[in-house]
C-alpha atoms as a PDB file:
ATOM      1  CA  UNK A   1     124.897 136.052 -56.377  1.00  0.00           C
ATOM      2  CA  UNK A   2     121.951 135.684 -54.105  1.00  0.00           C
ATOM      3  CA  UNK A   3     120.079 138.976 -53.902  1.00  0.00           C
ATOM      4  CA  UNK A   4     121.599 139.764 -50.460  1.00  0.00           C
ATOM      5  CA  UNK A   5     124.932 138.905 -48.905  1.00  0.00           C
ATOM      6  CA  UNK A   6     126.045 139.776 -45.360  1.00  0.00           C
ATOM      7  CA  UNK A   7     129.712 139.691 -44.408  1.00  0.00           C
ATOM      8  CA  UNK A   8     131.362 140.247 -41.013  1.00  0.00           C
ATOM      9  CA  UNK A   9     135.025 140.095 -40.052  1.00  0.00           C
ATOM     10  CA  UNK A  10     136.770 140.403 -36.723  1.00  0.00           C
ATOM     11  CA  UNK A  11     139.907 142.479 -37.281  1.00  0.00           C
ATOM     12  CA  UNK A  12     141.536 142.115 -33.885  1.00  0.00           C
ATOM     13  CA  UNK A  13     141.321 143.585 -30.425  1.00  0.00           C
ATOM     14  CA  UNK A  14     141.855 147.144 -29.232  1.00  0.00           C
ATOM     15  CA  UNK A  15     142.225 148.371 -25.686  1.00  0.00           C
ATOM     16  CA  UNK A  16     140.392 151.596 -24.805  1.00  0.00           C
ATOM     17  CA  UNK A  17     140.977 152.909 -21.323  1.00  0.00           C
ATOM     18  CA  UNK A  18     141.072 149.701 -19.291  1.00  0.00           C
ATOM     19  CA  UNK A  19     138.613 147.680 -21.388  1.00  0.00           C
ATOM     20  CA  UNK A  20     139.395 145.549 -24.417  1.00  0.00           C
ATOM     21  CA  UNK A  21     137.144 145.483 -27.482  1.00  0.00           C
ATOM     22  CA  UNK A  22     136.874 143.454 -30.659  1.00  0.00           C
ATOM     23  CA  UNK A  23     137.092 145.490 -33.902  1.00  0.00           C
ATOM     24  CA  UNK A  24     134.503 144.457 -36.489  1.00  0.00           C
ATOM     25  CA  UNK A  25     133.947 145.308 -40.144  1.00  0.00           C
ATOM     26  CA  UNK A  26     130.615 144.519 -41.784  1.00  0.00           C
ATOM     27  CA  UNK A  27     129.084 144.652 -45.230  1.00  0.00           C
ATOM     28  CA  UNK A  28     125.573 144.185 -46.527  1.00  0.00           C
ATOM     29  CA  UNK A  29     125.485 143.651 -50.280  1.00  0.00           C
ATOM     30  CA  UNK A  30     122.280 143.763 -52.315  1.00  0.00           C
ATOM     31  CA  UNK A  31     122.082 143.039 -56.036  1.00  0.00           C
ATOM     32  CA  UNK A  32     119.269 144.439 -58.180  1.00  0.00           C
ATOM     33  CA  UNK A  33     119.031 142.298 -61.331  1.00  0.00           C
ATOM     34  CA  UNK A  34     116.692 144.798 -63.030  1.00  0.00           C
ATOM     35  CA  UNK A  35     119.263 147.592 -63.020  1.00  0.00           C
ATOM     36  CA  UNK A  36     122.355 145.371 -62.783  1.00  0.00           C
ATOM     37  CA  UNK A  37     123.521 147.323 -59.760  1.00  0.00           C
ATOM     38  CA  UNK A  38     125.271 146.115 -56.646  1.00  0.00           C
ATOM     39  CA  UNK A  39     124.956 148.200 -53.473  1.00  0.00           C
ATOM     40  CA  UNK A  40     127.368 147.426 -50.641  1.00  0.00           C
ATOM     41  CA  UNK A  41     126.800 149.132 -47.286  1.00  0.00           C
ATOM     42  CA  UNK A  42     130.008 149.094 -45.238  1.00  0.00           C
ATOM     43  CA  UNK A  43     130.323 149.707 -41.517  1.00  0.00           C
ATOM     44  CA  UNK A  44     132.749 149.220 -38.638  1.00  0.00           C
ATOM     45  CA  UNK A  45     132.549 149.306 -34.873  1.00  0.00           C
ATOM     46  CA  UNK A  46     133.953 148.023 -31.613  1.00  0.00           C
ATOM     47  CA  UNK A  47     132.149 145.482 -29.460  1.00  0.00           C
ATOM     48  CA  UNK A  48     133.037 144.343 -25.933  1.00  0.00           C
ATOM     49  CA  UNK A  49     132.548 140.655 -26.801  1.00  0.00           C
ATOM     50  CA  UNK A  50     133.725 138.317 -29.510  1.00  0.00           C
ATOM     51  CA  UNK A  51     130.344 138.209 -31.277  1.00  0.00           C
ATOM     52  CA  UNK A  52     129.071 141.125 -33.389  1.00  0.00           C
ATOM     53  CA  UNK A  53     125.707 142.161 -31.943  1.00  0.00           C
ATOM     54  CA  UNK A  54     123.907 145.331 -32.970  1.00  0.00           C
ATOM     55  CA  UNK A  55     123.624 146.332 -29.313  1.00  0.00           C
ATOM     56  CA  UNK A  56     126.675 147.532 -27.426  1.00  0.00           C
ATOM     57  CA  UNK A  57     128.391 148.960 -30.504  1.00  0.00           C
ATOM     58  CA  UNK A  58     131.024 151.600 -29.927  1.00  0.00           C
ATOM     59  CA  UNK A  59     132.209 153.798 -32.787  1.00  0.00           C
ATOM     60  CA  UNK A  60     135.370 155.703 -31.856  1.00  0.00           C
ATOM     61  CA  UNK A  61     136.316 158.749 -33.947  1.00  0.00           C
ATOM     62  CA  UNK A  62     139.274 156.964 -35.566  1.00  0.00           C
ATOM     63  CA  UNK A  63     136.999 154.521 -37.403  1.00  0.00           C
ATOM     64  CA  UNK A  64     135.757 155.718 -40.792  1.00  0.00           C
ATOM     65  CA  UNK A  65     132.040 156.490 -41.060  1.00  0.00           C
ATOM     66  CA  UNK A  66     129.603 154.058 -42.635  1.00  0.00           C
ATOM     67  CA  UNK A  67     129.738 154.214 -46.420  1.00  0.00           C
ATOM     68  CA  UNK A  68     127.832 152.909 -49.412  1.00  0.00           C
ATOM     69  CA  UNK A  69     129.510 151.644 -52.582  1.00  0.00           C
ATOM     70  CA  UNK A  70     127.448 151.234 -55.779  1.00  0.00           C
ATOM     71  CA  UNK A  71     128.657 149.369 -58.851  1.00  0.00           C
ATOM     72  CA  UNK A  72     127.117 148.143 -62.089  1.00  0.00           C
ATOM     73  CA  UNK A  73     127.973 144.494 -62.650  1.00  0.00           C
ATOM     74  CA  UNK A  74     126.642 141.292 -64.206  1.00  0.00           C
ATOM     75  CA  UNK A  75     124.851 138.994 -61.777  1.00  0.00           C
ATOM     76  CA  UNK A  76     127.484 136.259 -62.126  1.00  0.00           C
ATOM     77  CA  UNK A  77     130.186 138.695 -60.936  1.00  0.00           C
ATOM     78  CA  UNK A  78     128.235 140.418 -58.144  1.00  0.00           C
ATOM     79  CA  UNK A  79     129.228 138.087 -55.312  1.00  0.00           C
ATOM     80  CA  UNK A  80     132.947 138.273 -56.135  1.00  0.00           C
ATOM     81  CA  UNK A  81     132.793 142.058 -56.448  1.00  0.00           C
ATOM     82  CA  UNK A  82     130.979 142.367 -53.097  1.00  0.00           C
ATOM     83  CA  UNK A  83     133.699 140.268 -51.459  1.00  0.00           C
ATOM     84  CA  UNK A  84     136.429 142.392 -53.079  1.00  0.00           C
ATOM     85  CA  UNK A  85     134.793 145.620 -51.861  1.00  0.00           C
ATOM     86  CA  UNK A  86     134.539 144.126 -48.364  1.00  0.00           C
ATOM     87  CA  UNK A  87     138.188 143.015 -48.428  1.00  0.00           C
ATOM     88  CA  UNK A  88     139.301 146.565 -49.316  1.00  0.00           C
ATOM     89  CA  UNK A  89     137.089 147.933 -46.517  1.00  0.00           C
ATOM     90  CA  UNK A  90     138.691 145.541 -44.006  1.00  0.00           C
ATOM     91  CA  UNK A  91     142.150 146.711 -45.069  1.00  0.00           C
ATOM     92  CA  UNK A  92     141.066 150.338 -44.630  1.00  0.00           C
ATOM     93  CA  UNK A  93     139.773 149.588 -41.129  1.00  0.00           C
ATOM     94  CA  UNK A  94     143.010 147.799 -40.181  1.00  0.00           C
ATOM     95  CA  UNK A  95     145.022 150.865 -41.228  1.00  0.00           C
ATOM     96  CA  UNK A  96     142.807 153.083 -39.017  1.00  0.00           C
ATOM     97  CA  UNK A  97     143.325 151.101 -35.817  1.00  0.00           C
ATOM     98  CA  UNK A  98     145.759 153.104 -33.652  1.00  0.00           C
ATOM     99  CA  UNK A  99     148.927 151.187 -32.892  1.00  0.00           C
ATOM    100  CA  UNK A 100     148.076 148.414 -35.338  1.00  0.00           C
END
């Protein structure tokens, strides 16, 4: 795995009041070869457009808070593990979306 990996997924649209938002899940994975540890920072938010920009993020109370997952893994398995952690996070976010 490269030392850093950024992942973003659009998980659908959600209407709040009269406005519609895109639901995003993100992950930033960093591998430290010295300690053999993978750190994955997971986040989710709503955005009024179809592109995930840092600005204009909305975090409703039904989305889980940002979390950090740490695992010890060999470098050749780090990328796959980061993707697996992100996939599980996306599934968690989907289950939190009201009416989804």
